[in-house]
Amino acid sequence: MNSSTIVRVCANVIVAEDDEKQAELVRRYLEHEGHAVTVVGDGLAALAEVRHREPDLLVLDVMMPRADGLDVVRVLRAEHRELPVLMLTARSTEDDLLLGLDLGADDYMTKPYSPRELMARVRTLLRRTRRVAAGIDPAADEVLRVGALVVDPVRHEVSVEGRFVECTPGEFRILAAMAAEPERVFTRQRLLEELHGFDRYISLRTVDVHIMNLRKKIEPAPRRPARLLTVFGVGYKLTDPARNASRAS
């Protein structure tokens, strides 16, 4: 198999959604991120799959046949299963939201939602779970650090060497995606999807322009980048120049 076609499985995810079109959309986005996905269409099937597969994440619709999402969460928590649960629902009242969270859901999104925002929530939940597994306090600072570069997704702030960097929304989305996985090589198509999703037909040149502008802001010498590197024939990656220098020495 050509190395460029290898899919890295990040997590095992169950999607419980009775709307087939919605389930397919969520599945497609999750698989594109490298996750292994199982789709079920009702609450009892969701419980059976969780018990059988012990997944890393459950994406759970509230309004489903046989058993609704609230009942599913209630049963899972009664069984002391601690897998993260992201609930999806058309309900948007405060009481509904609080009930889902009180029962043990980890996050909650109301329909209609942005698939890109959904993927961001998934990444956050999985990162938090891995921090717990590694013995790290999940309430600890979750800003993204790549050497002297700091990206704060909550405050939407970027700094480098202690200096605040003002980024456009597009620049920030690219930088945050790369800072979440330093050293990973991102294709231009993948970065374009961070900007516009799958359904926008915009030139890949857009990514190159954002990268050029980011280098002007975070690199000491933009024409000789040390952080935001080009991987010729593939794409771009974000790295820590100090760490690379210590390895070289």
C-alpha atoms as a PDB file:
ATOM      1  CA  MET A   1       0.000   0.000   0.000  1.00  0.00           C
ATOM      2  CA  ASN A   2       1.293   3.449  -0.857  1.00  0.00           C
ATOM      3  CA  SER A   3       2.190   5.324   2.347  1.00  0.00           C
ATOM      4  CA  SER A   4       0.063   8.284   1.297  1.00  0.00           C
ATOM      5  CA  THR A   5      -3.074   6.104   1.416  1.00  0.00           C
ATOM      6  CA  ILE A   6      -2.585   4.725   4.929  1.00  0.00           C
ATOM      7  CA  VAL A   7      -5.339   5.847   7.303  1.00  0.00           C
ATOM      8  CA  ARG A   8      -4.271   6.336  10.912  1.00  0.00           C
ATOM      9  CA  VAL A   9      -7.086   5.232  13.220  1.00  0.00           C
ATOM     10  CA  CYS A  10      -7.260   7.706  16.095  1.00  0.00           C
ATOM     11  CA  ALA A  11     -10.254   6.346  18.006  1.00  0.00           C
ATOM     12  CA  ASN A  12     -13.152   3.910  17.892  1.00  0.00           C
ATOM     13  CA  VAL A  13     -16.387   5.893  17.723  1.00  0.00           C
ATOM     14  CA  ILE A  14     -20.011   4.769  17.828  1.00  0.00           C
ATOM     15  CA  VAL A  15     -22.559   7.075  16.198  1.00  0.00           C
ATOM     16  CA  ALA A  16     -26.151   6.499  17.349  1.00  0.00           C
ATOM     17  CA  GLU A  17     -28.419   8.432  14.999  1.00  0.00           C
ATOM     18  CA  ASP A  18     -31.695   7.318  13.384  1.00  0.00           C
ATOM     19  CA  ASP A  19     -31.579   9.967  10.649  1.00  0.00           C
ATOM     20  CA  GLU A  20     -29.625   8.139   7.934  1.00  0.00           C
ATOM     21  CA  LYS A  21     -28.458  11.276   6.124  1.00  0.00           C
ATOM     22  CA  GLN A  22     -27.280  12.872   9.356  1.00  0.00           C
ATOM     23  CA  ALA A  23     -25.548   9.670  10.420  1.00  0.00           C
ATOM     24  CA  GLU A  24     -23.766   9.423   7.066  1.00  0.00           C
ATOM     25  CA  LEU A  25     -22.545  13.014   7.311  1.00  0.00           C
ATOM     26  CA  VAL A  26     -21.154  12.471  10.812  1.00  0.00           C
ATOM     27  CA  ARG A  27     -19.587   9.159   9.785  1.00  0.00           C
ATOM     28  CA  ARG A  28     -17.896  10.753   6.776  1.00  0.00           C
ATOM     29  CA  TYR A  29     -16.360  13.548   8.830  1.00  0.00           C
ATOM     30  CA  LEU A  30     -15.180  11.198  11.568  1.00  0.00           C
ATOM     31  CA  GLU A  31     -13.606   8.747   9.125  1.00  0.00           C
ATOM     32  CA  HIS A  32     -11.854  11.587   7.344  1.00  0.00           C
ATOM     33  CA  GLU A  33     -10.236  12.454  10.692  1.00  0.00           C
ATOM     34  CA  GLY A  34      -8.938   8.884  10.888  1.00  0.00           C
ATOM     35  CA  HIS A  35     -11.476   7.383  13.288  1.00  0.00           C
ATOM     36  CA  ALA A  36     -13.055   3.922  13.020  1.00  0.00           C
ATOM     37  CA  VAL A  37     -16.820   4.446  13.040  1.00  0.00           C
ATOM     38  CA  THR A  38     -19.785   2.178  13.780  1.00  0.00           C
ATOM     39  CA  VAL A  39     -23.262   3.590  13.058  1.00  0.00           C
ATOM     40  CA  VAL A  40     -26.438   2.356  14.774  1.00  0.00           C
ATOM     41  CA  GLY A  41     -29.994   3.623  14.449  1.00  0.00           C
ATOM     42  CA  ASP A  42     -31.599   3.198  17.869  1.00  0.00           C
ATOM     43  CA  GLY A  43     -30.850   3.368  21.578  1.00  0.00           C
ATOM     44  CA  LEU A  44     -30.858  -0.350  22.346  1.00  0.00           C
ATOM     45  CA  ALA A  45     -28.436  -0.988  19.486  1.00  0.00           C
ATOM     46  CA  ALA A  46     -26.213   1.780  20.884  1.00  0.00           C
ATOM     47  CA  LEU A  47     -26.105   0.072  24.284  1.00  0.00           C
ATOM     48  CA  ALA A  48     -25.318  -3.294  22.703  1.00  0.00           C
ATOM     49  CA  GLU A  49     -22.466  -1.836  20.614  1.00  0.00           C
ATOM     50  CA  VAL A  50     -20.961   0.005  23.570  1.00  0.00           C
ATOM     51  CA  ARG A  51     -20.957  -3.178  25.635  1.00  0.00           C
ATOM     52  CA  HIS A  52     -19.464  -5.163  22.769  1.00  0.00           C
ATOM     53  CA  ARG A  53     -16.869  -2.741  21.425  1.00  0.00           C
ATOM     54  CA  GLU A  54     -15.842  -0.625  24.447  1.00  0.00           C
ATOM     55  CA  PRO A  55     -15.462   2.467  22.207  1.00  0.00           C
ATOM     56  CA  ASP A  56     -13.470   5.619  22.880  1.00  0.00           C
ATOM     57  CA  LEU A  57     -16.442   7.913  22.193  1.00  0.00           C
ATOM     58  CA  LEU A  58     -20.209   7.765  21.725  1.00  0.00           C
ATOM     59  CA  VAL A  59     -21.902  10.395  19.530  1.00  0.00           C
ATOM     60  CA  LEU A  60     -25.518  10.063  20.621  1.00  0.00           C
ATOM     61  CA  ASP A  61     -28.743  11.509  19.219  1.00  0.00           C
ATOM     62  CA  VAL A  62     -31.418  12.188  21.832  1.00  0.00           C
ATOM     63  CA  MET A  63     -34.584  11.427  19.830  1.00  0.00           C
ATOM     64  CA  MET A  64     -34.268   7.764  18.796  1.00  0.00           C
ATOM     65  CA  PRO A  65     -36.570   4.714  18.649  1.00  0.00           C
ATOM     66  CA  ARG A  66     -36.614   1.893  21.209  1.00  0.00           C
ATOM     67  CA  ALA A  67     -34.632   3.914  23.769  1.00  0.00           C
ATOM     68  CA  ASP A  68     -33.844   7.614  23.562  1.00  0.00           C
ATOM     69  CA  GLY A  69     -30.424   9.104  24.131  1.00  0.00           C
ATOM     70  CA  LEU A  70     -31.189  10.218  27.675  1.00  0.00           C
ATOM     71  CA  ASP A  71     -32.085   6.664  28.637  1.00  0.00           C
ATOM     72  CA  VAL A  72     -28.911   5.386  27.001  1.00  0.00           C
ATOM     73  CA  VAL A  73     -26.745   7.756  29.047  1.00  0.00           C
ATOM     74  CA  ARG A  74     -28.672   6.873  32.210  1.00  0.00           C
ATOM     75  CA  VAL A  75     -27.995   3.151  31.680  1.00  0.00           C
ATOM     76  CA  LEU A  76     -24.333   3.615  30.739  1.00  0.00           C
ATOM     77  CA  ARG A  77     -23.589   5.675  33.824  1.00  0.00           C
ATOM     78  CA  ALA A  78     -25.488   3.199  36.016  1.00  0.00           C
ATOM     79  CA  GLU A  79     -23.148   0.520  34.614  1.00  0.00           C
ATOM     80  CA  HIS A  80     -20.205   2.757  35.575  1.00  0.00           C
ATOM     81  CA  ARG A  81     -19.075   3.118  31.997  1.00  0.00           C
ATOM     82  CA  GLU A  82     -17.010   6.287  31.752  1.00  0.00           C
ATOM     83  CA  LEU A  83     -16.666   6.661  27.997  1.00  0.00           C
ATOM     84  CA  PRO A  84     -17.191  10.246  26.779  1.00  0.00           C
ATOM     85  CA  VAL A  85     -20.645  10.968  25.361  1.00  0.00           C
ATOM     86  CA  LEU A  86     -21.415  13.793  22.956  1.00  0.00           C
ATOM     87  CA  MET A  87     -25.179  14.285  22.625  1.00  0.00           C
ATOM     88  CA  LEU A  88     -26.918  15.663  19.535  1.00  0.00           C
ATOM     89  CA  THR A  89     -30.463  16.950  19.701  1.00  0.00           C
ATOM     90  CA  ALA A  90     -33.074  19.184  18.136  1.00  0.00           C
ATOM     91  CA  ARG A  91     -34.142  20.189  21.640  1.00  0.00           C
ATOM     92  CA  SER A  92     -32.640  23.484  22.722  1.00  0.00           C
ATOM     93  CA  THR A  93     -34.317  24.496  25.973  1.00  0.00           C
ATOM     94  CA  GLU A  94     -32.145  25.009  29.024  1.00  0.00           C
ATOM     95  CA  ASP A  95     -33.947  22.239  30.936  1.00  0.00           C
ATOM     96  CA  ASP A  96     -33.207  19.713  28.184  1.00  0.00           C
ATOM     97  CA  LEU A  97     -29.545  20.700  28.093  1.00  0.00           C
ATOM     98  CA  LEU A  98     -29.162  20.513  31.857  1.00  0.00           C
ATOM     99  CA  LEU A  99     -30.911  17.125  32.034  1.00  0.00           C
ATOM    100  CA  GLY A 100     -28.530  15.614  29.489  1.00  0.00           C
ATOM    101  CA  LEU A 101     -25.490  16.952  31.324  1.00  0.00           C
ATOM    102  CA  ASP A 102     -26.848  15.963  34.737  1.00  0.00           C
ATOM    103  CA  LEU A 103     -27.330  12.398  33.526  1.00  0.00           C
ATOM    104  CA  GLY A 104     -23.670  12.230  32.567  1.00  0.00           C
ATOM    105  CA  ALA A 105     -23.271  13.508  29.000  1.00  0.00           C
ATOM    106  CA  ASP A 106     -19.901  15.198  28.507  1.00  0.00           C
ATOM    107  CA  ASP A 107     -20.972  17.659  25.830  1.00  0.00           C
ATOM    108  CA  TYR A 108     -24.139  18.716  24.028  1.00  0.00           C
ATOM    109  CA  MET A 109     -24.796  20.121  20.543  1.00  0.00           C
ATOM    110  CA  THR A 110     -28.157  21.283  19.200  1.00  0.00           C
ATOM    111  CA  LYS A 111     -29.280  20.766  15.610  1.00  0.00           C
ATOM    112  CA  PRO A 112     -28.547  22.168  13.130  1.00  0.00           C
ATOM    113  CA  TYR A 113     -24.838  22.233  13.905  1.00  0.00           C
ATOM    114  CA  SER A 114     -21.638  22.823  11.990  1.00  0.00           C
ATOM    115  CA  PRO A 115     -19.863  19.521  11.185  1.00  0.00           C
ATOM    116  CA  ARG A 116     -16.531  21.305  11.655  1.00  0.00           C
ATOM    117  CA  GLU A 117     -17.592  22.410  15.132  1.00  0.00           C
ATOM    118  CA  LEU A 118     -18.684  18.848  15.847  1.00  0.00           C
ATOM    119  CA  MET A 119     -15.209  17.589  14.913  1.00  0.00           C
ATOM    120  CA  ALA A 120     -13.639  20.211  17.167  1.00  0.00           C
ATOM    121  CA  ARG A 121     -15.800  18.985  20.067  1.00  0.00           C
ATOM    122  CA  VAL A 122     -14.809  15.389  19.286  1.00  0.00           C
ATOM    123  CA  ARG A 123     -11.115  16.291  19.331  1.00  0.00           C
ATOM    124  CA  THR A 124     -11.532  18.068  22.660  1.00  0.00           C
ATOM    125  CA  LEU A 125     -13.332  15.129  24.275  1.00  0.00           C
ATOM    126  CA  LEU A 126     -10.793  12.594  23.030  1.00  0.00           C
ATOM    127  CA  ARG A 127      -7.870  14.775  24.118  1.00  0.00           C
ATOM    128  CA  ARG A 128      -9.421  15.175  27.583  1.00  0.00           C
ATOM    129  CA  THR A 129      -9.949  11.411  27.860  1.00  0.00           C
ATOM    130  CA  ARG A 130      -6.351  10.695  26.928  1.00  0.00           C
ATOM    131  CA  ARG A 131      -5.137  13.226  29.479  1.00  0.00           C
ATOM    132  CA  VAL A 132      -7.104  11.400  32.176  1.00  0.00           C
ATOM    133  CA  ALA A 133      -5.703   8.037  31.032  1.00  0.00           C
ATOM    134  CA  ALA A 134      -2.214   9.510  31.273  1.00  0.00           C
ATOM    135  CA  GLY A 135      -2.867  10.733  34.809  1.00  0.00           C
ATOM    136  CA  ILE A 136      -3.116  14.417  33.834  1.00  0.00           C
ATOM    137  CA  ASP A 137      -5.757  16.628  35.430  1.00  0.00           C
ATOM    138  CA  PRO A 138      -8.377  17.280  32.693  1.00  0.00           C
ATOM    139  CA  ALA A 139      -9.093  20.671  34.250  1.00  0.00           C
ATOM    140  CA  ALA A 140      -5.473  21.703  33.735  1.00  0.00           C
ATOM    141  CA  ASP A 141      -4.540  24.273  31.120  1.00  0.00           C
ATOM    142  CA  GLU A 142      -5.413  22.876  27.685  1.00  0.00           C
ATOM    143  CA  VAL A 143      -3.757  25.529  25.570  1.00  0.00           C
ATOM    144  CA  LEU A 144      -1.757  24.129  22.673  1.00  0.00           C
ATOM    145  CA  ARG A 145       2.000  24.633  22.940  1.00  0.00           C
ATOM    146  CA  VAL A 146       4.584  23.949  20.267  1.00  0.00           C
ATOM    147  CA  GLY A 147       7.788  25.248  21.734  1.00  0.00           C
ATOM    148  CA  ALA A 148       7.474  29.013  22.191  1.00  0.00           C
ATOM    149  CA  LEU A 149       4.288  29.100  20.119  1.00  0.00           C
ATOM    150  CA  VAL A 150       1.094  29.089  22.196  1.00  0.00           C
ATOM    151  CA  VAL A 151      -2.417  28.704  20.762  1.00  0.00           C
ATOM    152  CA  ASP A 152      -5.385  29.134  23.101  1.00  0.00           C
ATOM    153  CA  PRO A 153      -8.556  27.733  21.441  1.00  0.00           C
ATOM    154  CA  VAL A 154     -10.829  29.036  24.214  1.00  0.00           C
ATOM    155  CA  ARG A 155      -9.599  32.624  24.199  1.00  0.00           C
ATOM    156  CA  HIS A 156      -8.853  32.494  20.476  1.00  0.00           C
ATOM    157  CA  GLU A 157      -5.374  33.889  21.115  1.00  0.00           C
ATOM    158  CA  VAL A 158      -1.915  33.194  19.704  1.00  0.00           C
ATOM    159  CA  SER A 159       1.458  34.197  21.085  1.00  0.00           C
ATOM    160  CA  VAL A 160       5.049  33.422  20.146  1.00  0.00           C
ATOM    161  CA  GLU A 161       8.049  34.082  22.380  1.00  0.00           C
ATOM    162  CA  GLY A 162       5.606  35.854  24.709  1.00  0.00           C
ATOM    163  CA  ARG A 163       4.477  38.245  21.986  1.00  0.00           C
ATOM    164  CA  PHE A 164       0.776  38.421  21.095  1.00  0.00           C
ATOM    165  CA  VAL A 165       0.044  37.574  17.447  1.00  0.00           C
ATOM    166  CA  GLU A 166      -3.117  38.810  15.772  1.00  0.00           C
ATOM    167  CA  CYS A 167      -4.566  36.214  13.387  1.00  0.00           C
ATOM    168  CA  THR A 168      -7.531  36.229  11.056  1.00  0.00           C
ATOM    169  CA  PRO A 169     -10.193  33.530  11.709  1.00  0.00           C
ATOM    170  CA  GLY A 170      -8.849  31.454   8.815  1.00  0.00           C
ATOM    171  CA  GLU A 171      -5.252  31.718   9.995  1.00  0.00           C
ATOM    172  CA  PHE A 172      -6.303  30.761  13.507  1.00  0.00           C
ATOM    173  CA  ARG A 173      -8.189  27.653  12.353  1.00  0.00           C
ATOM    174  CA  ILE A 174      -5.173  26.436  10.402  1.00  0.00           C
ATOM    175  CA  LEU A 175      -2.742  27.140  13.230  1.00  0.00           C
ATOM    176  CA  ALA A 176      -4.970  25.547  15.885  1.00  0.00           C
ATOM    177  CA  ALA A 177      -5.416  22.385  13.817  1.00  0.00           C
ATOM    178  CA  MET A 178      -1.664  22.060  13.296  1.00  0.00           C
ATOM    179  CA  ALA A 179      -0.780  22.931  16.900  1.00  0.00           C
ATOM    180  CA  ALA A 180      -3.085  20.154  18.114  1.00  0.00           C
ATOM    181  CA  GLU A 181      -0.898  17.652  16.218  1.00  0.00           C
ATOM    182  CA  PRO A 182       2.650  19.021  15.975  1.00  0.00           C
ATOM    183  CA  GLU A 183       4.958  17.224  13.554  1.00  0.00           C
ATOM    184  CA  ARG A 184       1.978  15.839  11.638  1.00  0.00           C
ATOM    185  CA  VAL A 185       2.153  16.638   7.937  1.00  0.00           C
ATOM    186  CA  PHE A 186      -1.102  18.270   6.785  1.00  0.00           C
ATOM    187  CA  THR A 187      -1.943  18.212   3.104  1.00  0.00           C
ATOM    188  CA  ARG A 188      -3.216  21.444   1.596  1.00  0.00           C
ATOM    189  CA  GLN A 189      -6.570  19.738   1.001  1.00  0.00           C
ATOM    190  CA  ARG A 190      -6.814  18.811   4.691  1.00  0.00           C
ATOM    191  CA  LEU A 191      -6.089  22.381   5.744  1.00  0.00           C
ATOM    192  CA  LEU A 192      -8.605  23.674   3.224  1.00  0.00           C
ATOM    193  CA  GLU A 193     -11.227  21.476   4.894  1.00  0.00           C
ATOM    194  CA  GLU A 194     -10.349  23.048   8.255  1.00  0.00           C
ATOM    195  CA  LEU A 195     -11.217  26.368   6.626  1.00  0.00           C
ATOM    196  CA  HIS A 196     -14.304  25.541   4.589  1.00  0.00           C
ATOM    197  CA  GLY A 197     -15.449  21.952   5.158  1.00  0.00           C
ATOM    198  CA  PHE A 198     -15.943  19.361   2.422  1.00  0.00           C
ATOM    199  CA  ASP A 199     -18.547  21.157   0.357  1.00  0.00           C
ATOM    200  CA  ARG A 200     -16.750  24.329  -0.654  1.00  0.00           C
ATOM    201  CA  TYR A 201     -14.801  24.358  -3.929  1.00  0.00           C
ATOM    202  CA  ILE A 202     -12.118  26.925  -3.264  1.00  0.00           C
ATOM    203  CA  SER A 203      -8.608  26.984  -4.677  1.00  0.00           C
ATOM    204  CA  LEU A 204      -5.862  25.272  -2.697  1.00  0.00           C
ATOM    205  CA  ARG A 205      -3.953  28.484  -3.259  1.00  0.00           C
ATOM    206  CA  THR A 206      -6.028  29.879  -0.380  1.00  0.00           C
ATOM    207  CA  VAL A 207      -4.090  27.643   2.007  1.00  0.00           C
ATOM    208  CA  ASP A 208      -0.741  28.800   0.626  1.00  0.00           C
ATOM    209  CA  VAL A 209      -1.720  32.430   1.180  1.00  0.00           C
ATOM    210  CA  HIS A 210      -2.693  31.728   4.798  1.00  0.00           C
ATOM    211  CA  ILE A 211       0.581  29.860   5.385  1.00  0.00           C
ATOM    212  CA  MET A 212       2.573  32.744   3.884  1.00  0.00           C
ATOM    213  CA  ASN A 213       0.777  35.242   6.129  1.00  0.00           C
ATOM    214  CA  LEU A 214       1.230  33.061   9.215  1.00  0.00           C
ATOM    215  CA  ARG A 215       4.955  32.805   8.557  1.00  0.00           C
ATOM    216  CA  LYS A 216       5.180  36.593   8.528  1.00  0.00           C
ATOM    217  CA  LYS A 217       3.606  36.597  11.977  1.00  0.00           C
ATOM    218  CA  ILE A 218       5.273  33.661  13.766  1.00  0.00           C
ATOM    219  CA  GLU A 219       8.643  33.213  12.054  1.00  0.00           C
ATOM    220  CA  PRO A 220      11.739  35.313  12.862  1.00  0.00           C
ATOM    221  CA  ALA A 221      12.740  34.981   9.206  1.00  0.00           C
ATOM    222  CA  PRO A 222       9.616  34.224   7.095  1.00  0.00           C
ATOM    223  CA  ARG A 223      11.680  33.380   3.997  1.00  0.00           C
ATOM    224  CA  ARG A 224      13.576  30.764   6.032  1.00  0.00           C
ATOM    225  CA  PRO A 225      10.811  29.243   8.166  1.00  0.00           C
ATOM    226  CA  ALA A 226      11.773  27.230  11.222  1.00  0.00           C
ATOM    227  CA  ARG A 227       8.318  26.550  12.695  1.00  0.00           C
ATOM    228  CA  LEU A 228       5.848  26.295   9.840  1.00  0.00           C
ATOM    229  CA  LEU A 229       7.653  24.042   7.401  1.00  0.00           C
ATOM    230  CA  THR A 230       6.930  22.934   3.864  1.00  0.00           C
ATOM    231  CA  VAL A 231       7.086  19.189   3.253  1.00  0.00           C
ATOM    232  CA  PHE A 232       7.672  19.186  -0.465  1.00  0.00           C
ATOM    233  CA  GLY A 233       5.163  17.247  -2.503  1.00  0.00           C
ATOM    234  CA  VAL A 234       2.915  16.698   0.531  1.00  0.00           C
ATOM    235  CA  GLY A 235       1.969  19.825   2.492  1.00  0.00           C
ATOM    236  CA  TYR A 236       2.943  21.591   5.701  1.00  0.00           C
ATOM    237  CA  LYS A 237       3.791  20.783   9.304  1.00  0.00           C
ATOM    238  CA  LEU A 238       4.223  22.747  12.530  1.00  0.00           C
ATOM    239  CA  THR A 239       7.314  21.984  14.572  1.00  0.00           C
ATOM    240  CA  ASP A 240       9.389  23.215  17.512  1.00  0.00           C
ATOM    241  CA  PRO A 241      12.681  24.613  16.168  1.00  0.00           C
ATOM    242  CA  ALA A 242      14.391  24.492  19.591  1.00  0.00           C
ATOM    243  CA  ARG A 243      13.564  20.807  19.976  1.00  0.00           C
ATOM    244  CA  ASN A 244      14.793  20.048  16.481  1.00  0.00           C
ATOM    245  CA  ALA A 245      18.036  21.917  17.157  1.00  0.00           C
ATOM    246  CA  SER A 246      18.660  19.894  20.332  1.00  0.00           C
ATOM    247  CA  ARG A 247      18.074  16.666  18.425  1.00  0.00           C
ATOM    248  CA  ALA A 248      20.521  17.723  15.738  1.00  0.00           C
ATOM    249  CA  SER A 249      23.187  18.462  18.330  1.00  0.00           C
END
